[in-house]
N, C-alpha and C. Protein backbone atom coordinates (compact mmCIF):
# COMPACT_ATOMS: atom_id res chain seq x y z
N MET A 1 133.61 185.51 28.11
CA MET A 1 132.35 185.52 28.03
C MET A 1 131.58 184.35 27.41
N LYS A 2 131.60 183.97 26.72
CA LYS A 2 131.42 182.68 26.29
C LYS A 2 130.98 181.95 26.89
N ARG A 3 132.34 181.21 28.00
CA ARG A 3 131.97 180.63 28.95
C ARG A 3 130.90 180.72 29.96
N LEU A 4 130.76 181.94 30.22
CA LEU A 4 129.66 182.61 31.25
C LEU A 4 128.17 182.34 30.73
N LEU A 5 127.98 183.07 29.30
CA LEU A 5 127.13 182.28 28.61
C LEU A 5 126.27 181.17 28.76
N VAL A 6 127.47 180.43 28.62
CA VAL A 6 126.85 178.74 28.30
C VAL A 6 126.85 178.25 29.67
N LEU A 7 127.30 178.65 30.83
CA LEU A 7 126.92 178.34 32.06
C LEU A 7 125.56 178.60 32.84
N VAL A 8 125.43 180.08 31.71
CA VAL A 8 124.25 181.22 32.37
C VAL A 8 123.19 180.01 31.76
N LEU A 9 122.90 179.44 30.67
CA LEU A 9 122.50 178.77 29.79
C LEU A 9 121.87 177.55 30.57
N LEU A 10 123.10 177.14 30.49
CA LEU A 10 123.00 175.37 31.43
C LEU A 10 122.38 175.34 32.70
N LEU A 11 122.31 176.64 33.55
CA LEU A 11 121.73 176.79 35.07
C LEU A 11 120.25 176.97 34.36
N LEU A 12 119.70 177.89 33.43
CA LEU A 12 118.61 178.11 33.48
C LEU A 12 117.89 177.08 32.82
N LEU A 13 118.64 176.21 31.59
CA LEU A 13 118.01 174.74 31.03
C LEU A 13 117.57 173.83 32.39
N ALA A 14 118.60 173.66 33.35
CA ALA A 14 118.42 172.36 34.56
C ALA A 14 117.44 173.36 35.51
N GLY A 15 117.17 174.65 35.61
CA GLY A 15 116.02 174.79 36.05
C GLY A 15 114.71 174.95 35.66
N CYS A 16 114.64 174.84 34.42
CA CYS A 16 113.48 174.91 33.51
C CYS A 16 113.16 173.24 33.44
N GLY A 17 114.04 172.11 33.84
CA GLY A 17 113.97 170.88 33.06
C GLY A 17 112.69 170.17 34.36
N GLY A 18 112.26 171.16 35.04
CA GLY A 18 111.48 169.99 35.97
C GLY A 18 112.00 169.12 37.43
N VAL A 19 113.04 169.54 36.84
CA VAL A 19 114.30 168.39 38.09
C VAL A 19 115.10 169.34 38.41
N GLY A 20 114.76 169.63 39.85
CA GLY A 20 115.30 170.39 40.89
C GLY A 20 115.43 170.04 42.05
N VAL A 21 116.50 170.71 42.98
CA VAL A 21 116.59 170.23 44.14
C VAL A 21 116.60 171.55 44.75
N THR A 22 115.81 171.98 46.06
CA THR A 22 115.57 172.95 46.58
C THR A 22 116.82 173.18 47.80
N GLU A 23 117.40 174.73 47.66
CA GLU A 23 118.52 174.94 48.22
C GLU A 23 118.55 174.83 50.11
N THR A 24 117.17 174.57 50.74
CA THR A 24 117.18 174.31 52.20
C THR A 24 117.08 172.59 52.63
N THR A 25 116.35 172.20 52.13
CA THR A 25 116.62 170.26 52.05
C THR A 25 116.78 169.31 51.17
N GLY A 26 117.40 169.80 50.20
CA GLY A 26 117.90 169.20 49.27
C GLY A 26 116.95 167.82 48.41
N VAL A 27 115.98 168.15 48.38
CA VAL A 27 115.03 167.13 48.18
C VAL A 27 114.41 167.17 46.50
N SER A 28 114.55 166.64 45.55
CA SER A 28 114.46 166.78 44.32
C SER A 28 112.70 167.01 44.02
N LEU A 29 112.59 168.15 43.43
CA LEU A 29 111.38 168.84 43.07
C LEU A 29 110.50 168.14 41.67
N SER A 30 111.56 166.94 41.40
CA SER A 30 110.65 166.20 40.26
C SER A 30 109.57 165.24 40.75
N ALA A 31 108.65 164.66 39.66
CA ALA A 31 107.65 163.93 39.92
C ALA A 31 107.89 162.71 40.46
N PRO A 32 107.65 161.50 41.15
CA PRO A 32 108.00 160.35 41.43
C PRO A 32 107.82 159.74 40.30
N PRO A 33 108.55 158.64 39.72
CA PRO A 33 108.55 158.10 39.10
C PRO A 33 107.25 156.83 38.68
N PRO A 34 106.67 156.61 37.82
CA PRO A 34 105.32 156.16 37.87
C PRO A 34 105.26 154.49 38.83
N ASP A 35 104.13 154.03 39.11
CA ASP A 35 103.89 153.07 40.17
C ASP A 35 103.89 151.90 38.82
N THR A 36 104.48 150.93 38.83
CA THR A 36 104.23 149.98 37.72
C THR A 36 104.04 148.62 38.79
N SER A 37 104.05 148.91 39.52
CA SER A 37 103.44 147.65 40.61
C SER A 37 102.19 147.18 40.59
N TYR A 38 100.96 147.59 39.57
CA TYR A 38 99.66 147.38 39.09
C TYR A 38 99.44 147.61 38.04
N ASN A 39 98.24 147.29 37.37
CA ASN A 39 97.39 147.34 36.08
C ASN A 39 96.37 147.65 36.14
N ASP A 40 95.59 148.30 34.77
CA ASP A 40 94.39 148.96 34.82
C ASP A 40 93.41 147.52 35.47
N THR A 41 93.52 146.57 35.43
CA THR A 41 92.61 145.31 36.04
C THR A 41 92.54 145.92 37.04
N ASP A 42 93.67 145.73 38.33
CA ASP A 42 93.79 145.82 39.42
C ASP A 42 93.26 146.66 39.93
N VAL A 43 93.27 147.84 38.96
CA VAL A 43 92.49 149.32 39.87
C VAL A 43 90.59 149.36 39.44
N MET A 44 90.78 148.47 38.36
CA MET A 44 89.18 148.12 37.87
C MET A 44 88.69 147.52 39.23
N PHE A 45 89.33 146.32 39.57
CA PHE A 45 88.68 145.47 40.43
C PHE A 45 88.79 145.95 41.52
N LEU A 46 89.56 146.92 42.20
CA LEU A 46 89.33 147.49 43.61
C LEU A 46 88.23 148.76 43.41
N GLN A 47 87.88 149.14 42.64
CA GLN A 47 87.29 150.10 42.25
C GLN A 47 85.77 149.89 42.32
N MET A 48 85.48 148.68 41.82
CA MET A 48 84.18 148.19 41.55
C MET A 48 83.93 147.04 42.80
N ALA A 49 84.94 147.16 43.30
CA ALA A 49 84.83 145.80 44.69
C ALA A 49 84.53 146.59 45.61
N VAL A 50 84.98 147.85 45.95
CA VAL A 50 84.77 148.73 47.11
C VAL A 50 83.28 149.08 47.42
N PRO A 51 82.53 149.58 46.25
CA PRO A 51 81.12 149.65 46.52
C PRO A 51 80.38 148.72 46.63
N GLN A 52 80.66 147.64 46.20
CA GLN A 52 80.03 145.65 46.08
C GLN A 52 80.19 145.86 47.54
N HIS A 53 81.51 145.77 48.34
CA HIS A 53 81.18 145.27 49.48
C HIS A 53 80.65 146.00 50.24
N GLU A 54 80.58 147.79 49.97
CA GLU A 54 79.73 148.67 50.98
C GLU A 54 78.53 148.18 51.11
N GLN A 55 77.75 147.65 49.73
CA GLN A 55 76.43 147.15 49.62
C GLN A 55 76.36 145.99 50.59
N GLY A 56 77.16 145.05 50.45
CA GLY A 56 77.17 144.02 51.30
C GLY A 56 77.13 144.28 52.89
N ILE A 57 78.06 145.23 53.38
CA ILE A 57 77.96 145.72 54.57
C ILE A 57 76.59 146.37 54.94
N GLU A 58 75.95 146.99 54.02
CA GLU A 58 74.61 147.38 54.52
C GLU A 58 73.58 146.48 53.90
N MET A 59 73.82 145.21 53.32
CA MET A 59 72.86 144.23 53.69
C MET A 59 72.87 143.30 54.72
N ALA A 60 74.38 143.83 55.34
CA ALA A 60 74.86 142.54 56.65
C ALA A 60 74.07 143.61 57.63
N LYS A 61 73.97 144.42 57.94
CA LYS A 61 73.46 145.40 58.86
C LYS A 61 72.22 145.08 58.98
N LEU A 62 71.11 145.19 58.27
CA LEU A 62 69.96 144.91 57.92
C LEU A 62 69.40 143.41 58.75
N ALA A 63 70.72 142.78 58.09
CA ALA A 63 69.89 141.17 58.59
C ALA A 63 70.70 141.12 60.13
N GLU A 64 71.12 141.94 60.38
CA GLU A 64 71.92 141.85 62.26
C GLU A 64 70.48 142.54 62.68
N LYS A 65 69.90 143.35 62.66
CA LYS A 65 68.31 143.94 62.72
C LYS A 65 67.23 142.87 62.51
N ARG A 66 67.30 142.15 61.60
CA ARG A 66 66.09 141.69 61.66
C ARG A 66 65.93 140.63 60.89
N ALA A 67 67.30 139.62 61.21
CA ALA A 67 66.61 137.87 60.72
C ALA A 67 66.29 137.75 61.49
N SER A 68 66.02 136.69 62.00
CA SER A 68 64.76 135.91 62.81
C SER A 68 65.60 135.14 63.42
N ARG A 69 66.75 134.35 62.69
CA ARG A 69 67.44 133.00 63.31
C ARG A 69 68.87 133.84 63.30
N ARG A 70 69.23 133.33 64.78
CA ARG A 70 70.53 133.59 65.26
C ARG A 70 71.86 133.56 64.25
N GLU A 71 71.74 132.38 63.84
CA GLU A 71 72.59 131.70 62.75
C GLU A 71 73.05 132.88 61.93
N ILE A 72 71.81 133.58 61.32
CA ILE A 72 71.87 134.52 60.18
C ILE A 72 72.46 135.93 60.65
N ARG A 73 72.17 135.99 61.96
CA ARG A 73 72.80 136.87 62.65
C ARG A 73 73.81 137.15 63.02
N ASP A 74 74.50 136.17 63.04
CA ASP A 74 76.13 135.73 63.29
C ASP A 74 76.76 135.97 62.16
N LEU A 75 76.21 135.22 61.39
CA LEU A 75 77.06 135.62 59.47
C LEU A 75 76.90 136.70 59.27
N ALA A 76 75.72 137.75 59.16
CA ALA A 76 75.85 138.96 58.84
C ALA A 76 76.69 139.75 59.88
N THR A 77 76.82 139.59 61.00
CA THR A 77 78.04 140.45 61.41
C THR A 77 79.54 139.91 61.10
N ALA A 78 79.39 138.70 61.06
CA ALA A 78 80.91 137.97 60.34
C ALA A 78 81.29 139.14 59.10
N ILE A 79 80.27 138.88 58.21
CA ILE A 79 80.64 139.68 56.95
C ILE A 79 80.72 140.66 56.89
N ARG A 80 79.71 141.45 58.06
CA ARG A 80 80.27 143.12 57.88
C ARG A 80 81.48 143.41 58.34
N LEU A 81 81.87 142.33 59.74
CA LEU A 81 83.52 143.22 60.23
C LEU A 81 84.74 142.75 58.78
N THR A 82 84.25 141.81 58.07
CA THR A 82 85.41 141.17 56.99
C THR A 82 85.35 142.30 56.22
N GLN A 83 84.47 142.44 55.53
CA GLN A 83 83.94 143.43 54.38
C GLN A 83 84.47 145.16 54.68
N GLU A 84 84.36 145.01 55.78
CA GLU A 84 84.72 146.63 56.66
C GLU A 84 86.34 146.69 56.53
N ASP A 85 86.67 145.96 56.90
CA ASP A 85 88.48 145.53 57.14
C ASP A 85 88.62 145.50 55.45
N GLU A 86 88.34 144.81 54.82
CA GLU A 86 88.96 144.45 53.24
C GLU A 86 88.35 145.85 52.68
N VAL A 87 87.25 146.67 53.22
CA VAL A 87 87.13 148.10 52.25
C VAL A 87 88.39 149.03 52.42
N ALA A 88 88.58 149.40 53.87
CA ALA A 88 90.00 149.88 54.13
C ALA A 88 91.17 149.72 53.45
N ARG A 89 91.41 148.27 53.25
CA ARG A 89 92.50 147.75 52.93
C ARG A 89 92.21 148.11 50.78
N MET A 90 91.45 147.86 50.55
CA MET A 90 91.24 148.07 49.40
C MET A 90 91.52 149.66 48.96
N SER A 91 90.74 150.40 49.57
CA SER A 91 90.71 151.60 49.71
C SER A 91 92.15 152.14 49.81
N ARG A 92 92.98 151.96 50.86
CA ARG A 92 94.46 152.22 51.02
C ARG A 92 95.36 151.98 49.78
N TRP A 93 95.21 150.62 48.96
CA TRP A 93 96.23 150.54 47.98
C TRP A 93 95.71 151.14 46.82
N LEU A 94 94.17 151.61 46.63
CA LEU A 94 93.89 152.66 45.39
C LEU A 94 94.80 154.21 45.54
N GLU A 95 94.55 154.69 47.13
CA GLU A 95 95.19 155.65 47.49
C GLU A 95 96.87 155.97 47.29
N LYS A 96 97.38 154.56 47.67
CA LYS A 96 98.80 154.59 47.25
C LYS A 96 99.33 154.69 45.90
N TRP A 97 98.31 154.16 45.27
CA TRP A 97 98.52 154.12 43.66
C TRP A 97 97.81 155.41 43.11
N ARG A 98 97.67 156.35 43.97
CA ARG A 98 97.04 157.84 43.40
C ARG A 98 95.82 157.51 42.44
N GLN A 99 94.99 156.34 42.85
CA GLN A 99 93.89 156.16 41.92
C GLN A 99 92.94 156.45 42.79
N PRO A 100 91.53 156.98 42.15
CA PRO A 100 90.33 157.36 43.02
C PRO A 100 89.55 156.20 43.64
N VAL A 101 89.30 156.19 44.41
CA VAL A 101 88.25 155.28 45.02
C VAL A 101 87.09 154.82 44.24
N ALA A 102 86.49 155.90 43.83
CA ALA A 102 85.44 155.49 42.61
C ALA A 102 85.62 155.08 41.58
N PRO A 103 84.86 153.98 40.95
CA PRO A 103 84.59 153.69 40.07
C PRO A 103 84.52 154.68 38.88
N ASP A 104 84.80 154.31 37.53
CA ASP A 104 84.32 155.43 36.43
C ASP A 104 82.92 154.84 36.22
N LEU A 105 82.06 155.67 36.04
CA LEU A 105 80.69 155.91 36.16
C LEU A 105 80.50 155.74 34.50
N ASP A 106 80.99 155.65 33.74
CA ASP A 106 81.20 155.73 32.18
C ASP A 106 80.44 153.77 31.57
N PRO A 107 79.41 153.39 31.47
CA PRO A 107 79.29 151.90 31.23
C PRO A 107 80.24 152.10 30.14
N ALA A 108 80.78 152.38 28.98
CA ALA A 108 81.62 152.34 28.30
C ALA A 108 82.78 151.59 28.79
N ALA A 109 83.33 152.30 29.89
CA ALA A 109 84.57 151.73 30.76
C ALA A 109 84.70 150.59 31.18
N HIS A 110 83.06 149.59 31.47
CA HIS A 110 83.03 148.45 32.08
C HIS A 110 82.71 147.60 31.02
N ALA A 111 82.86 147.80 29.52
CA ALA A 111 82.62 146.80 28.64
C ALA A 111 83.27 145.84 28.80
N GLY A 112 84.50 145.99 28.64
CA GLY A 112 85.54 144.95 28.80
C GLY A 112 85.48 143.96 29.81
N HIS A 113 84.73 143.90 30.53
CA HIS A 113 84.34 142.94 31.62
C HIS A 113 82.80 142.76 31.74
N GLY A 114 82.20 142.50 30.89
CA GLY A 114 80.64 142.06 30.90
C GLY A 114 80.09 143.06 31.33
N GLY A 115 80.36 144.59 31.34
CA GLY A 115 79.41 145.48 32.11
C GLY A 115 79.16 145.34 33.37
N MET A 116 80.15 144.87 34.10
CA MET A 116 80.01 144.32 35.18
C MET A 116 80.28 145.53 36.65
N HIS A 117 79.11 146.01 37.00
CA HIS A 117 78.91 146.48 38.21
C HIS A 117 79.29 146.65 39.76
N GLY A 118 79.72 147.15 40.23
CA GLY A 118 80.35 146.79 42.02
C GLY A 118 78.95 146.55 42.89
N SER A 119 77.54 147.27 42.62
CA SER A 119 76.39 147.33 43.71
C SER A 119 74.74 147.42 42.61
N ASP A 120 74.18 147.14 43.51
CA ASP A 120 72.58 147.29 42.56
C ASP A 120 71.72 148.04 43.79
N PRO A 121 71.51 149.34 43.95
CA PRO A 121 70.58 149.98 45.03
C PRO A 121 69.38 149.24 45.00
N ALA A 122 68.97 148.94 44.40
CA ALA A 122 67.38 147.67 44.23
C ALA A 122 67.48 146.63 45.37
N VAL A 123 68.53 145.79 45.22
CA VAL A 123 68.80 145.22 46.27
C VAL A 123 68.23 145.54 47.45
N LEU A 124 69.07 146.65 48.02
CA LEU A 124 68.88 147.19 49.24
C LEU A 124 67.58 147.60 49.74
N GLU A 125 67.05 147.95 48.38
CA GLU A 125 65.85 148.61 48.69
C GLU A 125 65.06 147.61 48.88
N VAL A 126 64.83 146.16 48.19
CA VAL A 126 64.00 145.28 48.44
C VAL A 126 64.30 144.75 49.80
N LEU A 127 65.60 144.68 50.34
CA LEU A 127 65.56 143.99 51.84
C LEU A 127 65.21 145.25 52.79
N ARG A 128 65.29 146.85 52.74
CA ARG A 128 64.96 147.49 53.64
C ARG A 128 62.96 147.78 53.58
N ASN A 129 62.77 146.98 52.77
CA ASN A 129 61.12 147.18 52.83
C ASN A 129 60.81 145.63 52.93
N THR A 130 61.28 144.75 53.36
CA THR A 130 60.86 143.59 53.52
C THR A 130 61.33 143.53 55.57
N PRO A 131 59.82 143.32 56.17
CA PRO A 131 59.91 143.09 57.39
C PRO A 131 60.53 142.07 58.03
N ALA A 132 61.10 142.52 59.24
CA ALA A 132 61.79 141.53 60.03
C ALA A 132 60.86 140.12 60.33
N GLY A 133 61.90 139.10 59.94
CA GLY A 133 61.11 137.75 60.51
C GLY A 133 61.60 136.38 59.48
N PRO A 134 60.80 135.33 59.26
CA PRO A 134 61.26 134.40 58.11
C PRO A 134 61.67 134.76 56.84
N ASP A 135 60.49 135.66 56.42
CA ASP A 135 60.76 136.26 55.05
C ASP A 135 61.68 136.82 55.00
N PHE A 136 62.25 137.54 55.62
CA PHE A 136 63.17 138.36 55.67
C PHE A 136 64.87 137.64 55.28
N ASP A 137 64.75 136.40 56.61
CA ASP A 137 65.78 135.25 55.97
C ASP A 137 66.26 135.27 55.11
N GLY A 138 64.33 134.36 54.36
CA GLY A 138 64.60 133.79 53.09
C GLY A 138 65.27 135.12 51.80
N ARG A 139 64.78 136.00 51.89
CA ARG A 139 65.07 137.13 50.93
C ARG A 139 66.40 137.44 51.29
N PHE A 140 66.75 137.95 52.02
CA PHE A 140 68.17 137.80 52.77
C PHE A 140 69.69 137.24 52.48
N LEU A 141 69.27 135.63 52.37
CA LEU A 141 70.23 134.71 52.08
C LEU A 141 70.09 134.55 50.40
N ASN A 142 68.95 134.88 49.79
CA ASN A 142 68.99 134.55 48.69
C ASN A 142 69.64 135.59 47.75
N LEU A 143 69.28 137.14 48.41
CA LEU A 143 70.26 138.22 47.79
C LEU A 143 71.44 138.07 48.21
N LEU A 144 71.71 137.51 49.31
CA LEU A 144 73.16 137.67 49.49
C LEU A 144 73.94 136.89 48.76
N THR A 145 73.74 135.39 48.56
CA THR A 145 74.07 134.35 47.76
C THR A 145 74.47 135.44 46.39
N GLY A 146 73.27 135.79 45.61
CA GLY A 146 73.76 136.58 44.30
C GLY A 146 74.55 137.38 44.45
N HIS A 147 75.02 138.47 45.48
CA HIS A 147 75.79 139.34 45.86
C HIS A 147 77.33 138.58 45.71
N GLN A 148 77.36 137.67 46.56
CA GLN A 148 78.44 136.94 46.61
C GLN A 148 79.00 136.49 45.35
N HIS A 149 78.13 135.87 44.50
CA HIS A 149 78.43 135.23 43.28
C HIS A 149 79.09 136.22 42.36
N LEU A 150 78.62 137.68 42.50
CA LEU A 150 79.15 138.76 41.71
C LEU A 150 80.55 139.05 42.23
N ALA A 151 80.79 138.92 43.68
CA ALA A 151 82.15 139.16 44.17
C ALA A 151 82.96 137.97 43.88
N VAL A 152 82.71 136.76 43.43
CA VAL A 152 83.54 135.97 43.39
C VAL A 152 83.90 136.30 41.48
N GLU A 153 82.94 136.59 41.05
CA GLU A 153 83.36 136.52 39.33
C GLU A 153 84.56 137.79 39.09
N LEU A 154 84.24 139.24 39.96
CA LEU A 154 85.37 140.33 39.77
C LEU A 154 86.58 139.60 40.61
N ALA A 155 86.54 138.42 41.59
CA ALA A 155 87.96 138.29 42.38
C ALA A 155 88.22 137.02 41.03
N LEU A 156 87.79 136.28 40.51
CA LEU A 156 88.10 135.92 39.20
C LEU A 156 88.58 136.18 38.26
N MET A 157 88.18 137.71 37.57
CA MET A 157 88.43 138.68 36.88
C MET A 157 90.04 139.00 37.18
N GLU A 158 90.35 139.53 38.57
CA GLU A 158 91.38 140.16 39.00
C GLU A 158 92.58 138.83 38.90
N GLU A 159 92.41 137.98 39.51
CA GLU A 159 93.07 136.59 39.60
C GLU A 159 93.50 136.37 37.81
N LYS A 160 93.26 136.08 36.71
CA LYS A 160 92.96 135.94 35.56
C LYS A 160 94.00 137.19 35.01
N ASP A 161 93.46 138.72 35.15
CA ASP A 161 94.24 139.52 34.39
C ASP A 161 94.93 140.16 35.24
N GLY A 162 94.67 140.70 36.52
CA GLY A 162 95.53 141.40 37.05
C GLY A 162 97.17 141.47 37.34
N PHE A 163 97.75 142.29 37.69
CA PHE A 163 99.08 142.15 37.77
C PHE A 163 99.97 142.49 39.43
N ASN A 164 99.11 143.06 40.09
CA ASN A 164 99.89 143.41 41.44
C ASN A 164 99.13 141.75 42.39
N ALA A 165 100.53 141.39 42.80
CA ALA A 165 100.64 140.14 43.50
C ALA A 165 99.89 140.38 44.79
N ASP A 166 99.70 141.46 45.60
CA ASP A 166 99.29 141.20 46.90
C ASP A 166 97.55 141.52 46.71
N THR A 167 96.90 142.06 45.21
CA THR A 167 95.83 142.29 45.12
C THR A 167 95.27 141.12 44.34
N LYS A 168 95.90 140.24 43.65
CA LYS A 168 95.50 138.86 42.98
C LYS A 168 95.31 137.87 44.23
N ALA A 169 96.45 137.85 45.35
CA ALA A 169 96.38 136.91 46.91
C ALA A 169 94.92 137.56 47.29
N PHE A 170 94.60 139.11 47.50
CA PHE A 170 93.45 139.06 48.02
C PHE A 170 92.31 138.43 47.20
N ALA A 171 92.74 138.59 45.88
CA ALA A 171 91.07 138.27 45.16
C ALA A 171 91.40 136.84 45.10
N GLY A 172 92.05 135.85 45.37
CA GLY A 172 92.24 134.81 45.80
C GLY A 172 91.32 134.16 47.35
N ARG A 173 91.95 135.05 47.90
CA ARG A 173 91.01 134.96 49.38
C ARG A 173 89.67 134.88 49.05
N ILE A 174 89.04 136.03 48.69
CA ILE A 174 87.80 136.34 48.20
C ILE A 174 87.23 135.18 47.53
N VAL A 175 87.31 134.47 46.69
CA VAL A 175 87.08 133.32 46.02
C VAL A 175 86.58 132.50 46.83
N LYS A 176 88.01 132.09 47.47
CA LYS A 176 87.52 131.13 48.77
C LYS A 176 86.61 131.28 49.88
N SER A 177 86.29 132.52 50.01
CA SER A 177 85.76 132.86 51.60
C SER A 177 84.30 133.16 51.05
N ARG A 178 84.25 134.00 50.03
CA ARG A 178 82.76 133.82 49.41
C ARG A 178 81.55 132.70 48.89
N THR A 179 82.63 131.74 48.66
CA THR A 179 82.40 130.52 47.78
C THR A 179 82.05 129.79 49.08
N ALA A 180 82.67 129.67 49.99
CA ALA A 180 82.20 129.07 51.39
C ALA A 180 81.31 129.57 52.27
N GLU A 181 80.83 131.08 51.94
CA GLU A 181 79.77 131.75 52.54
C GLU A 181 78.32 131.47 51.59
N ILE A 182 78.67 131.03 50.36
CA ILE A 182 77.69 130.47 49.86
C ILE A 182 77.06 129.56 49.93
N GLU A 183 77.81 128.76 50.01
CA GLU A 183 77.93 127.05 50.64
C GLU A 183 76.60 126.65 51.79
N GLN A 184 77.35 128.20 52.69
CA GLN A 184 76.93 127.78 53.91
C GLN A 184 75.20 128.46 54.11
N MET A 185 75.20 129.47 53.08
CA MET A 185 73.93 130.31 53.28
C MET A 185 72.90 129.02 52.56
N GLY A 186 73.31 128.41 51.19
CA GLY A 186 72.47 127.24 50.63
C GLY A 186 71.80 126.03 51.88
N ALA A 187 72.96 126.21 52.84
CA ALA A 187 72.53 125.14 53.86
C ALA A 187 71.44 125.56 54.80
N TYR A 188 71.57 127.14 54.96
CA TYR A 188 70.86 127.86 55.76
C TYR A 188 69.17 127.94 54.98
N LEU A 189 69.50 127.97 54.27
CA LEU A 189 68.15 128.03 53.01
C LEU A 189 67.04 126.59 53.08
């Protein structure tokens, strides 16, 4: 009788411990182990870079329609296509890590990195209110230069404090490509 009672208690404890196997599939019902392939900096970088990229895409779309110079329209198209691909990649990483794509809107959450944020709606408003033509070209190039400087700052932070090798390598590519874009825009100005 004691053996039966012990056996029943063990079965009950095994069922209540959160680890179990379904009878039909044999698959464990326990939660997967935490993913230790990334750290908070990796997550924060991606969460801030996504809206920053999305703003860059919107800026580029405006330039594709309003810039008077062909080379500026071509640059805008290249930036838009690159950043659309990068947003998809960053979103996939965050989803894989089961992290929200949207950043924490609490300003205190960003104090450790100088209060940087991913985008500034006023920049888009300025471009939307600038008519097509040479004035738009100059304003776009100046605003996008500042925008890409922020992308470089975010990426340098990731390279320094991030953990995930793929995310750090991605940040390194951002530093190189955005620095080249800044130099190219300087030549256009």
